[in-house]
């Protein structure tokens, strides 16, 4: 029992102590919380002040930048206003100058009008005086002005025609006296005078494509493919609105052929890019060079020509890709070689040398580099460089009279070259245009009075004209022949020369009954 109060007291003491401890702890927490709140408020105030300061600095920077931009804008506006004022001032000066010029022009115009009136008045007086003089002359002579003009013109025409016919006859007589000395030269010049309908060399090739979408692939991005092809081949490629076709333009036919075959392989393969283009072009160029050598060797074997320098063989092969007035140069050279051999054999000369010179006579046309020399002279220099004999060199250089002929082989090559180029069908000439030219030749003769029929014979080299004997005299027939030759020369284009023969026959026909 004595311990109970003590326990109760102890428990009361513990409870009181615990309460006091709780109150003390609570006060400490409140104090700590107040310190934390105060620190947070101080930090918030500091952040607020910093943000306000930062905002003020940003505002001042923006304000300064805005002021600078405004000054620059005002400066530009002021500069523009100054230019406009200067332009206005200049325009005002020009307007004043134009007004002064217009005033001066008006004065000049008025002056010219006055002078024109004076001239017209004088011209009228002159016309009146001229008419008066003409009337007096007509009264004295007894014929009118028109009759006098017609009579004078007829007399002048008759005199001119008589003089021309007489002069032509004298020239022909003189030519007959010199015929033996000039015959060969006249024949050669007559054969060489060629003017076909299309006397141009091919300088373009057409590359056909299946559709126009391929054009874009050939051009490439920003044109890189087409530039690569042009740089690799040296050929200008023209891509225009022509449907399903691309134009290859170059004066070197070998380069055109390389470009054409390369583009064909690229389009077939489908891979078109600069690296592939360079590879294909190099491969094609190598194949073409091999083919050129093969063609040259085969040609020499066919013609029986031996010991020819390899460079000359290559030039012979290059002739396959060259044309002259539409005639393939290799075919032309082979013809000249064969003709020269036949002609030399007939004359008792060296047929093999003639054939060799005939094949090589145009090698100057297929030289790799550009030259200002005539192709005959260049060909002679190349033949000399590669060890050909002097008679071959002279025949090559003299076949167009650029060099003096020193051997009998030279005129043979010249004549055979002219024959190969002038024979019917050798050079480009459409059949329709050839027939049309013959018709035009015959129709030209039918325009003359008294002509009944006309015939173009000898492939257009001779024109025979039939005239009525009762309408045309012998002298008039001579005149028709001359006038017709002059008219053909001025109005037509033709190869060689045309012989005009006017035939006048007197036929007496009766019947025995």
Protein backbone atom coordinates (compact mmCIF):
# COMPACT_ATOMS: atom_id res chain seq x y z
CA UNK A 1 0.00 0.00 0.00
CA UNK A 2 2.87 2.27 0.70
CA UNK A 3 4.23 1.68 -2.77
CA UNK A 4 1.02 2.73 -4.54
CA UNK A 5 1.28 6.44 -3.86
CA UNK A 6 4.84 6.34 -4.88
CA UNK A 7 3.94 4.69 -8.18
CA UNK A 8 1.14 7.08 -8.79
CA UNK A 9 3.43 10.01 -8.10
CA UNK A 10 6.00 8.59 -10.43
CA UNK A 11 3.46 8.09 -13.15
CA UNK A 12 2.17 11.64 -12.61
CA UNK A 13 5.70 12.92 -12.80
CA UNK A 14 6.30 11.05 -16.02
CA UNK A 15 3.07 12.36 -17.52
CA UNK A 16 3.87 15.93 -16.54
CA UNK A 17 7.39 15.60 -17.88
CA UNK A 18 6.11 14.21 -21.13
CA UNK A 19 3.64 17.10 -21.53
CA UNK A 20 6.31 19.63 -20.78
CA UNK A 21 8.59 17.93 -23.28
CA UNK A 22 5.83 17.97 -25.90
CA UNK A 23 5.18 21.68 -25.33
CA UNK A 24 8.85 22.42 -25.58
CA UNK A 25 9.19 20.38 -28.80
CA UNK A 26 6.18 22.11 -30.29
CA UNK A 27 7.64 25.53 -29.59
CA UNK A 28 10.92 24.47 -31.17
CA UNK A 29 9.09 23.26 -34.30
CA UNK A 30 7.17 26.54 -34.58
CA UNK A 31 10.37 28.49 -34.28
CA UNK A 32 12.09 26.31 -36.92
CA UNK A 33 9.13 26.65 -39.27
CA UNK A 34 9.15 30.41 -38.88
CA UNK A 35 12.86 30.48 -39.70
CA UNK A 36 12.29 28.32 -42.81
CA UNK A 37 9.39 30.56 -43.94
CA UNK A 38 11.50 33.67 -43.34
CA UNK A 39 14.42 32.19 -45.31
CA UNK A 40 12.03 31.21 -48.13
CA UNK A 41 10.56 34.69 -48.19
CA UNK A 42 14.05 36.22 -48.30
CA UNK A 43 15.07 33.87 -51.14
CA UNK A 44 11.83 34.59 -53.02
CA UNK A 45 12.42 38.32 -52.62
CA UNK A 46 15.98 37.94 -53.89
CA UNK A 47 14.80 35.90 -56.92
CA UNK A 48 12.08 38.44 -57.56
CA UNK A 49 14.56 41.30 -57.48
CA UNK A 50 16.93 39.37 -59.77
CA UNK A 51 14.16 38.63 -62.27
CA UNK A 52 13.01 42.23 -62.18
CA UNK A 53 16.59 43.38 -62.80
CA UNK A 54 17.00 40.85 -65.62
CA UNK A 55 13.72 41.97 -67.18
CA UNK A 56 14.84 45.58 -66.97
CA UNK A 57 18.16 44.74 -68.66
CA UNK A 58 16.33 42.80 -71.41
CA UNK A 59 13.93 45.67 -71.89
CA UNK A 60 16.79 48.16 -72.16
CA UNK A 61 18.60 45.92 -74.67
CA UNK A 62 15.45 45.54 -76.79
CA UNK A 63 14.80 49.23 -76.56
CA UNK A 64 18.39 49.98 -77.68
CA UNK A 65 18.13 47.48 -80.57
CA UNK A 66 14.78 48.95 -81.60
CA UNK A 67 16.30 52.43 -81.54
CA UNK A 68 19.23 51.26 -83.69
CA UNK A 69 16.91 49.58 -86.21
CA UNK A 70 14.74 52.66 -86.28
CA UNK A 71 17.78 54.84 -86.96
CA UNK A 72 18.95 52.53 -89.77
CA UNK A 73 15.47 52.49 -91.29
CA UNK A 74 15.25 56.26 -91.09
CA UNK A 75 18.70 56.45 -92.69
CA UNK A 76 17.60 54.17 -95.56
CA UNK A 77 14.41 56.15 -96.01
CA UNK A 78 16.40 59.37 -96.07
CA UNK A 79 18.84 57.90 -98.58
CA UNK A 80 15.92 56.76 -100.78
CA UNK A 81 14.38 60.21 -100.57
CA UNK A 82 17.71 61.75 -101.57
CA UNK A 83 17.97 59.43 -104.59
CA UNK A 84 14.40 60.20 -105.59
CA UNK A 85 15.09 63.94 -105.33
CA UNK A 86 18.25 63.54 -107.43
CA UNK A 87 16.31 61.48 -109.98
CA UNK A 88 13.55 64.08 -110.08
CA UNK A 89 16.15 66.77 -110.61
CA UNK A 90 17.75 64.78 -113.42
CA UNK A 91 14.37 64.11 -115.04
CA UNK A 92 13.53 67.80 -114.85
CA UNK A 93 16.77 68.61 -116.64
CA UNK A 94 16.06 65.98 -119.28
CA UNK A 95 12.54 67.30 -119.80
CA UNK A 96 13.92 70.79 -120.28
CA UNK A 97 16.53 69.45 -122.70
CA UNK A 98 13.84 67.54 -124.62
CA UNK A 99 11.72 70.67 -124.85
CA UNK A 100 14.67 72.60 -126.27
CA UNK A 101 15.43 69.77 -128.70
CA UNK A 102 11.78 69.61 -129.77
CA UNK A 103 11.81 73.33 -130.39
CA UNK A 104 14.95 73.02 -132.52
CA UNK A 105 13.43 70.09 -134.44
CA UNK A 106 10.29 72.08 -135.09
CA UNK A 107 12.37 74.88 -136.55
CA UNK A 108 14.31 72.40 -138.72
CA UNK A 109 11.03 70.81 -139.84
CA UNK A 110 9.61 74.14 -140.85
CA UNK A 111 12.80 74.97 -142.73
CA UNK A 112 12.73 71.62 -144.55
CA UNK A 113 9.07 72.11 -145.45
CA UNK A 114 9.89 75.41 -147.04
CA UNK A 115 12.82 73.92 -148.95
CA UNK A 116 10.64 70.99 -150.07
CA UNK A 117 8.04 73.35 -151.43
CA UNK A 118 10.77 75.16 -153.36
CA UNK A 119 12.13 71.87 -154.74
CA UNK A 120 8.67 70.66 -155.74
CA UNK A 121 8.03 73.91 -157.51
CA UNK A 122 11.34 73.66 -159.39
CA UNK A 123 10.62 70.02 -160.23
CA UNK A 124 7.25 71.00 -161.66
CA UNK A 125 8.92 73.68 -163.77
CA UNK A 126 11.47 71.14 -165.00
CA UNK A 127 8.77 68.64 -165.93
CA UNK A 128 6.90 71.30 -167.85
CA UNK A 129 10.11 72.26 -169.66
CA UNK A 130 10.87 68.58 -170.37
CA UNK A 131 7.39 67.94 -171.77
CA UNK A 132 7.69 71.03 -173.89
CA UNK A 133 11.07 69.88 -175.23
CA UNK A 134 9.69 66.39 -175.94
CA UNK A 135 6.72 67.88 -177.78
CA UNK A 136 9.04 70.03 -179.91
CA UNK A 137 11.25 66.98 -180.70
CA UNK A 138 8.21 64.84 -181.58
CA UNK A 139 6.95 67.60 -183.89
CA UNK A 140 10.36 67.89 -185.58
CA UNK A 141 10.99 64.09 -185.91
CA UNK A 142 7.44 63.11 -186.75
CA UNK A 143 7.37 60.12 -184.28
CA UNK A 144 6.20 59.84 -180.68
CA UNK A 145 8.42 59.39 -177.63
CA UNK A 146 7.34 55.75 -177.09
CA UNK A 147 7.98 54.89 -180.72
CA UNK A 148 11.44 56.44 -180.53
CA UNK A 149 12.23 54.44 -177.36
CA UNK A 150 11.04 51.17 -178.89
CA UNK A 151 12.97 51.77 -182.09
CA UNK A 152 16.16 52.66 -180.21
CA UNK A 153 15.86 49.60 -177.95
CA UNK A 154 15.32 47.29 -180.93
CA UNK A 155 18.36 48.70 -182.69
CA UNK A 156 20.49 48.34 -179.54
CA UNK A 157 19.30 44.74 -179.02
CA UNK A 158 20.04 43.78 -182.61
CA UNK A 159 23.47 45.38 -182.42
CA UNK A 160 24.27 43.75 -179.08
CA UNK A 161 23.15 40.31 -180.24
CA UNK A 162 25.14 40.61 -183.48
CA UNK A 163 28.23 41.71 -181.58
CA UNK A 164 27.82 38.92 -179.03
CA UNK A 165 27.36 36.26 -181.69
CA UNK A 166 30.34 37.57 -183.62
CA UNK A 167 32.50 37.64 -180.48
CA UNK A 168 31.44 34.13 -179.48
CA UNK A 169 32.28 32.86 -182.95
CA UNK A 170 35.71 34.46 -182.74
CA UNK A 171 36.30 32.86 -179.33
CA UNK A 172 35.26 29.46 -180.62
CA UNK A 173 37.52 29.81 -183.67
CA UNK A 174 40.42 30.75 -181.40
CA UNK A 175 39.64 27.80 -179.12
CA UNK A 176 39.68 25.41 -182.08
CA UNK A 177 43.13 26.66 -183.06
CA UNK A 178 44.41 25.93 -179.55
CA UNK A 179 42.42 22.72 -179.10
CA UNK A 180 45.37 20.33 -179.19
CA UNK A 181 47.22 22.21 -176.44
CA UNK A 182 44.20 22.91 -174.20
CA UNK A 183 42.10 19.77 -174.73
CA UNK A 184 43.25 17.91 -171.65
CA UNK A 185 42.86 20.96 -169.38
CA UNK A 186 39.38 21.77 -170.71
CA UNK A 187 38.19 18.19 -170.26
CA UNK A 188 39.46 18.07 -166.67
CA UNK A 189 37.88 21.42 -165.75
CA UNK A 190 34.59 20.40 -167.37
CA UNK A 191 34.44 17.15 -165.40
CA UNK A 192 35.38 18.87 -162.14
CA UNK A 193 32.63 21.45 -162.40
CA UNK A 194 30.11 19.83 -160.10
CA UNK A 195 27.23 21.51 -158.28
CA UNK A 196 24.81 18.96 -156.87
CA UNK A 197 21.52 19.73 -155.17
CA UNK A 198 22.94 19.10 -151.70
CA UNK A 199 26.61 20.13 -151.87
CA UNK A 200 27.27 19.92 -148.12
CA UNK A 201 29.02 17.50 -145.83
CA UNK A 202 27.17 15.79 -143.00
CA UNK A 203 27.95 17.51 -139.72
CA UNK A 204 25.12 16.09 -137.58
CA UNK A 205 23.83 12.64 -136.65
CA UNK A 206 20.43 11.75 -135.21
CA UNK A 207 20.27 9.43 -132.19
CA UNK A 208 16.81 7.88 -131.99
CA UNK A 209 15.28 7.03 -128.61
CA UNK A 210 12.19 5.08 -127.62
CA UNK A 211 10.53 7.83 -125.58
CA UNK A 212 11.24 11.35 -124.35
CA UNK A 213 11.76 10.17 -120.75
CA UNK A 214 15.23 8.98 -121.75
CA UNK A 215 16.15 12.60 -122.57
CA UNK A 216 15.95 13.48 -118.88
CA UNK A 217 18.18 10.55 -117.94
CA UNK A 218 20.73 11.55 -120.59
CA UNK A 219 20.73 15.16 -119.35
CA UNK A 220 21.07 14.06 -115.72
CA UNK A 221 20.74 16.07 -112.55
CA UNK A 222 21.62 19.71 -113.30
CA UNK A 223 22.95 18.57 -116.69
CA UNK A 224 25.92 16.63 -115.33
CA UNK A 225 25.46 13.59 -117.61
CA UNK A 226 25.20 15.54 -120.86
CA UNK A 227 28.21 17.66 -119.87
CA UNK A 228 30.19 14.51 -119.15
CA UNK A 229 29.28 13.03 -122.56
CA UNK A 230 30.23 16.24 -124.39
CA UNK A 231 33.52 16.51 -122.50
CA UNK A 232 34.42 12.86 -123.15
CA UNK A 233 33.50 12.77 -126.86
CA UNK A 234 33.99 16.36 -128.03
CA UNK A 235 30.53 16.30 -129.63
CA UNK A 236 27.79 18.88 -129.04
CA UNK A 237 24.55 17.20 -127.94
CA UNK A 238 21.36 19.09 -128.81
CA UNK A 239 18.26 18.07 -126.86
CA UNK A 240 15.27 20.02 -128.14
CA UNK A 241 11.56 19.51 -128.80
CA UNK A 242 12.20 16.99 -131.60
CA UNK A 243 10.21 13.90 -130.57
CA UNK A 244 12.16 10.72 -129.84
CA UNK A 245 15.43 12.09 -131.24
CA UNK A 246 18.65 13.71 -130.02
CA UNK A 247 20.99 15.62 -132.35
CA UNK A 248 24.75 14.95 -132.26
CA UNK A 249 26.67 17.83 -133.88
CA UNK A 250 30.37 17.68 -134.76
CA UNK A 251 32.46 18.16 -137.91
CA UNK A 252 34.53 15.05 -137.09
CA UNK A 253 32.48 12.00 -138.19
CA UNK A 254 34.60 9.62 -136.09
CA UNK A 255 33.81 11.54 -132.90
CA UNK A 256 30.12 11.58 -133.88
CA UNK A 257 30.16 7.81 -134.36
CA UNK A 258 31.88 7.30 -130.98
CA UNK A 259 29.26 9.49 -129.30
CA UNK A 260 26.39 7.69 -131.05
CA UNK A 261 27.59 4.19 -130.15
CA UNK A 262 28.40 5.26 -126.57
CA UNK A 263 24.94 6.75 -126.03
CA UNK A 264 23.35 3.63 -127.52
CA UNK A 265 25.24 1.42 -125.05
CA UNK A 266 24.47 3.73 -122.11
CA UNK A 267 20.74 3.82 -122.90
CA UNK A 268 20.64 0.03 -123.41
CA UNK A 269 22.51 -0.58 -120.15
CA UNK A 270 20.42 1.92 -118.17
CA UNK A 271 23.30 3.07 -115.94
CA UNK A 272 24.02 6.65 -116.90
CA UNK A 273 26.37 8.61 -114.66
CA UNK A 274 29.68 10.46 -115.28
CA UNK A 275 31.97 7.60 -114.23
CA UNK A 276 30.07 5.09 -116.38
CA UNK A 277 30.01 7.54 -119.30
CA UNK A 278 33.80 7.94 -119.26
CA UNK A 279 34.27 4.17 -119.13
CA UNK A 280 31.89 3.49 -122.05
CA UNK A 281 33.34 6.29 -124.21
CA UNK A 282 36.92 5.05 -123.73
CA UNK A 283 35.85 1.51 -124.55
CA UNK A 284 33.93 2.64 -127.66
CA UNK A 285 36.83 4.81 -128.83
CA UNK A 286 39.17 1.84 -128.56
CA UNK A 287 36.74 -0.36 -130.55
CA UNK A 288 36.38 2.30 -133.27
CA UNK A 289 40.16 2.66 -133.56
CA UNK A 290 40.49 -1.11 -133.93
CA UNK A 291 37.75 -1.13 -136.55
CA UNK A 292 39.44 1.73 -138.45
CA UNK A 293 42.70 -0.21 -138.61
CA UNK A 294 40.85 -3.34 -139.71
CA UNK A 295 39.02 -1.46 -142.49
CA UNK A 296 42.31 0.07 -143.69
CA UNK A 297 44.08 -3.28 -143.76
CA UNK A 298 41.17 -4.99 -145.53
CA UNK A 299 41.04 -2.23 -148.14
CA UNK A 300 44.76 -2.51 -148.88
CA UNK A 301 44.46 -6.30 -149.19
CA UNK A 302 41.48 -6.01 -151.55
CA UNK A 303 43.36 -3.58 -153.80
CA UNK A 304 46.65 -5.47 -153.63
CA UNK A 305 48.58 -2.59 -152.05
CA UNK A 306 51.49 -3.65 -149.82
CA UNK A 307 54.10 -2.11 -147.53
CA UNK A 308 51.88 0.83 -146.55
CA UNK A 309 52.80 2.68 -143.34
CA UNK A 310 50.50 1.95 -140.40
CA UNK A 311 49.48 5.61 -140.09
CA UNK A 312 48.48 5.67 -143.76
CA UNK A 313 46.51 2.46 -143.21
CA UNK A 314 44.70 4.14 -140.30
CA UNK A 315 43.89 7.18 -142.48
CA UNK A 316 42.48 4.89 -145.16
CA UNK A 317 40.26 3.31 -142.48
CA UNK A 318 39.09 6.75 -141.29
CA UNK A 319 37.80 7.44 -144.80
CA UNK A 320 34.91 5.09 -144.03
CA UNK A 321 33.47 7.73 -141.67
CA UNK A 322 34.02 10.71 -143.98
CA UNK A 323 31.85 11.89 -146.87
CA UNK A 324 32.45 14.50 -149.55
CA UNK A 325 29.38 16.08 -151.17
CA UNK A 326 27.39 13.07 -150.00
CA UNK A 327 29.86 10.56 -151.52
CA UNK A 328 31.60 8.18 -149.10
CA UNK A 329 35.31 9.02 -149.15
CA UNK A 330 36.52 5.42 -148.87
CA UNK A 331 34.30 4.28 -151.73
CA UNK A 332 35.44 7.28 -153.78
CA UNK A 333 39.12 6.50 -153.12
CA UNK A 334 38.66 2.86 -154.09
CA UNK A 335 36.99 3.93 -157.34
CA UNK A 336 39.81 6.35 -158.11
CA UNK A 337 42.37 3.62 -157.38
CA UNK A 338 40.71 1.14 -159.74
CA UNK A 339 40.14 3.74 -162.47
CA UNK A 340 43.74 4.94 -162.19
CA UNK A 341 45.09 1.41 -162.51
CA UNK A 342 43.01 0.74 -165.63
CA UNK A 343 43.97 4.06 -167.25
CA UNK A 344 47.66 3.64 -166.40
CA UNK A 345 47.63 0.12 -167.87
CA UNK A 346 46.08 1.43 -171.08
CA UNK A 347 48.82 4.07 -171.32
CA UNK A 348 51.61 1.61 -170.55
CA UNK A 349 52.45 3.06 -167.13
CA UNK A 350 52.86 1.45 -163.69
CA UNK A 351 49.34 0.32 -162.74
CA UNK A 352 50.28 -0.57 -159.13
CA UNK A 353 51.74 2.88 -158.48
CA UNK A 354 48.63 4.48 -160.01
CA UNK A 355 46.37 2.37 -157.79
CA UNK A 356 48.42 3.32 -154.72
CA UNK A 357 48.27 7.04 -155.54
CA UNK A 358 44.54 6.80 -156.28
CA UNK A 359 43.83 5.28 -152.87
CA UNK A 360 45.91 7.87 -151.02
CA UNK A 361 44.99 11.00 -153.02
CA UNK A 362 42.48 12.28 -150.39
CA UNK A 363 44.27 11.34 -147.13
CA UNK A 364 44.61 15.07 -146.38
CA UNK A 365 40.86 15.14 -145.69
CA UNK A 366 41.11 12.68 -142.77
CA UNK A 367 44.11 14.14 -140.93
CA UNK A 368 43.53 14.23 -137.16
CA UNK A 369 44.49 17.88 -136.67
CA UNK A 370 43.01 21.01 -138.25
CA UNK A 371 45.12 22.59 -140.98
CA UNK A 372 44.75 25.65 -143.18
CA UNK A 373 46.57 23.97 -146.07
CA UNK A 374 44.56 22.52 -148.99
CA UNK A 375 43.91 18.83 -148.47
CA UNK A 376 45.95 17.88 -151.56
CA UNK A 377 49.08 19.67 -150.31
CA UNK A 378 48.56 18.28 -146.79
CA UNK A 379 48.15 14.79 -148.23
CA UNK A 380 51.42 15.14 -150.16
CA UNK A 381 53.26 16.17 -146.99
CA UNK A 382 51.82 13.21 -145.09
CA UNK A 383 52.81 10.81 -147.88
CA UNK A 384 56.32 12.24 -147.87
CA UNK A 385 56.48 11.93 -144.07
CA UNK A 386 55.55 8.24 -144.18
CA UNK A 387 58.01 7.25 -146.89
CA UNK A 388 56.05 7.27 -150.15
CA UNK A 389 57.87 7.67 -153.46
CA UNK A 390 58.16 11.07 -155.22
CA UNK A 391 55.78 10.14 -158.08
CA UNK A 392 53.08 9.13 -155.55
CA UNK A 393 53.64 12.35 -153.57
CA UNK A 394 53.35 14.53 -156.67
CA UNK A 395 50.20 12.74 -157.84
CA UNK A 396 48.55 13.36 -154.45
CA UNK A 397 49.58 17.02 -154.23
CA UNK A 398 48.76 17.93 -157.86
CA UNK A 399 45.30 16.37 -158.25
CA UNK A 400 43.70 19.81 -157.68
CA UNK A 401 46.47 21.86 -159.35
CA UNK A 402 47.91 23.08 -156.01
CA UNK A 403 51.28 21.66 -157.09
CA UNK A 404 52.99 21.47 -160.46
CA UNK A 405 52.65 18.08 -162.18
CA UNK A 406 56.05 16.46 -162.66
CA UNK A 407 55.07 12.89 -163.62
CA UNK A 408 52.57 11.26 -166.00
CA UNK A 409 50.88 9.68 -162.99
CA UNK A 410 49.58 13.06 -161.73
CA UNK A 411 47.13 13.89 -164.60
CA UNK A 412 45.80 10.32 -164.43
CA UNK A 413 44.90 10.73 -160.73
CA UNK A 414 43.37 14.14 -161.46
CA UNK A 415 41.18 12.83 -164.28
CA UNK A 416 40.07 9.72 -162.37
CA UNK A 417 39.23 11.81 -159.29
CA UNK A 418 37.05 14.04 -161.45
CA UNK A 419 35.39 11.06 -163.17
CA UNK A 420 34.55 9.37 -159.84
CA UNK A 421 33.00 12.54 -158.49
CA UNK A 422 31.14 13.51 -161.67
CA UNK A 423 29.65 10.18 -162.73
CA UNK A 424 25.83 9.92 -162.43
CA UNK A 425 24.76 8.75 -158.98
CA UNK A 426 28.16 9.25 -157.31
CA UNK A 427 27.21 12.20 -155.21
CA UNK A 428 24.06 12.97 -153.31
CA UNK A 429 21.23 13.83 -155.62
CA UNK A 430 17.62 12.81 -155.14
CA UNK A 431 16.11 11.11 -158.18
CA UNK A 432 13.06 13.34 -158.13
CA UNK A 433 15.17 16.51 -158.17
CA UNK A 434 17.31 15.09 -161.01
CA UNK A 435 14.22 14.35 -163.13
CA UNK A 436 12.75 17.74 -162.26
CA UNK A 437 15.94 19.45 -163.43
CA UNK A 438 15.71 17.70 -166.80
CA UNK A 439 12.08 18.79 -167.14
CA UNK A 440 13.00 22.37 -166.24
CA UNK A 441 15.75 22.25 -168.86
CA UNK A 442 13.31 21.14 -171.57
CA UNK A 443 10.64 23.65 -170.49
CA UNK A 444 13.18 26.47 -170.61
CA UNK A 445 13.79 25.76 -174.30
CA UNK A 446 10.05 25.61 -175.09
CA UNK A 447 9.64 29.23 -173.96
CA UNK A 448 11.42 30.51 -177.08
CA UNK A 449 9.25 31.35 -180.14
CA UNK A 450 9.38 28.85 -182.98
CA UNK A 451 10.52 25.92 -180.75
CA UNK A 452 8.34 22.84 -181.18
CA UNK A 453 10.19 20.15 -179.20
CA UNK A 454 13.14 19.87 -176.81
CA UNK A 455 14.95 16.83 -175.46
CA UNK A 456 17.45 16.62 -172.58
CA UNK A 457 19.85 13.76 -173.35
CA UNK A 458 23.17 12.43 -172.07
CA UNK A 459 21.93 12.66 -168.42
CA UNK A 460 21.24 16.36 -168.91
CA UNK A 461 24.61 17.14 -170.52
CA UNK A 462 23.05 17.96 -173.92
CA UNK A 463 19.85 19.73 -174.92
CA UNK A 464 18.49 19.27 -178.45
CA UNK A 465 15.96 21.83 -179.62
CA UNK A 466 13.69 21.43 -182.68
CA UNK A 467 12.47 24.63 -184.38
CA UNK A 468 10.01 25.29 -187.21
CA UNK A 469 11.88 26.05 -190.41
CA UNK A 470 9.18 28.40 -191.69
CA UNK A 471 9.22 30.46 -188.46
CA UNK A 472 12.95 30.50 -187.61
CA UNK A 473 15.80 31.38 -189.96
CA UNK A 474 19.34 30.02 -189.74
CA UNK A 475 20.54 33.25 -188.13
CA UNK A 476 17.69 33.15 -185.62
CA UNK A 477 18.57 29.50 -184.82
CA UNK A 478 22.10 30.61 -183.94
CA UNK A 479 20.64 33.37 -181.79
CA UNK A 480 18.28 30.93 -180.01
CA UNK A 481 21.21 28.64 -179.22
CA UNK A 482 23.17 31.53 -177.69
CA UNK A 483 20.22 33.02 -175.77
CA UNK A 484 19.24 29.61 -174.40
CA UNK A 485 22.78 28.93 -173.15
CA UNK A 486 22.85 32.31 -171.38
CA UNK A 487 19.44 31.71 -169.81
CA UNK A 488 20.49 28.27 -168.52
CA UNK A 489 23.64 29.73 -166.97
CA UNK A 490 21.73 32.44 -165.11
CA UNK A 491 18.61 30.51 -164.05
CA UNK A 492 19.73 26.93 -163.38
CA UNK A 493 22.27 24.97 -161.33
CA UNK A 494 23.77 21.98 -163.12
CA UNK A 495 26.87 19.76 -163.09
CA UNK A 496 29.52 20.08 -165.81
CA UNK A 497 28.51 21.78 -169.02
CA UNK A 498 25.41 21.56 -171.21
CA UNK A 499 25.63 21.43 -174.99
CA UNK A 500 22.73 23.21 -176.77
CA UNK A 501 22.00 21.98 -180.29
CA UNK A 502 19.29 23.79 -182.29
CA UNK A 503 18.02 21.71 -185.25
CA UNK A 504 16.22 23.42 -188.14
CA UNK A 505 14.98 21.16 -190.91
CA UNK A 506 13.13 21.92 -194.10
CA UNK A 507 10.86 19.02 -194.99
CA UNK A 508 9.06 18.99 -198.33
CA UNK A 509 6.30 16.35 -198.29
CA UNK A 510 4.00 15.45 -201.23
CA UNK A 511 1.86 12.47 -202.06
CA UNK A 512 1.62 10.70 -205.44
CA UNK A 513 -1.95 9.58 -206.03
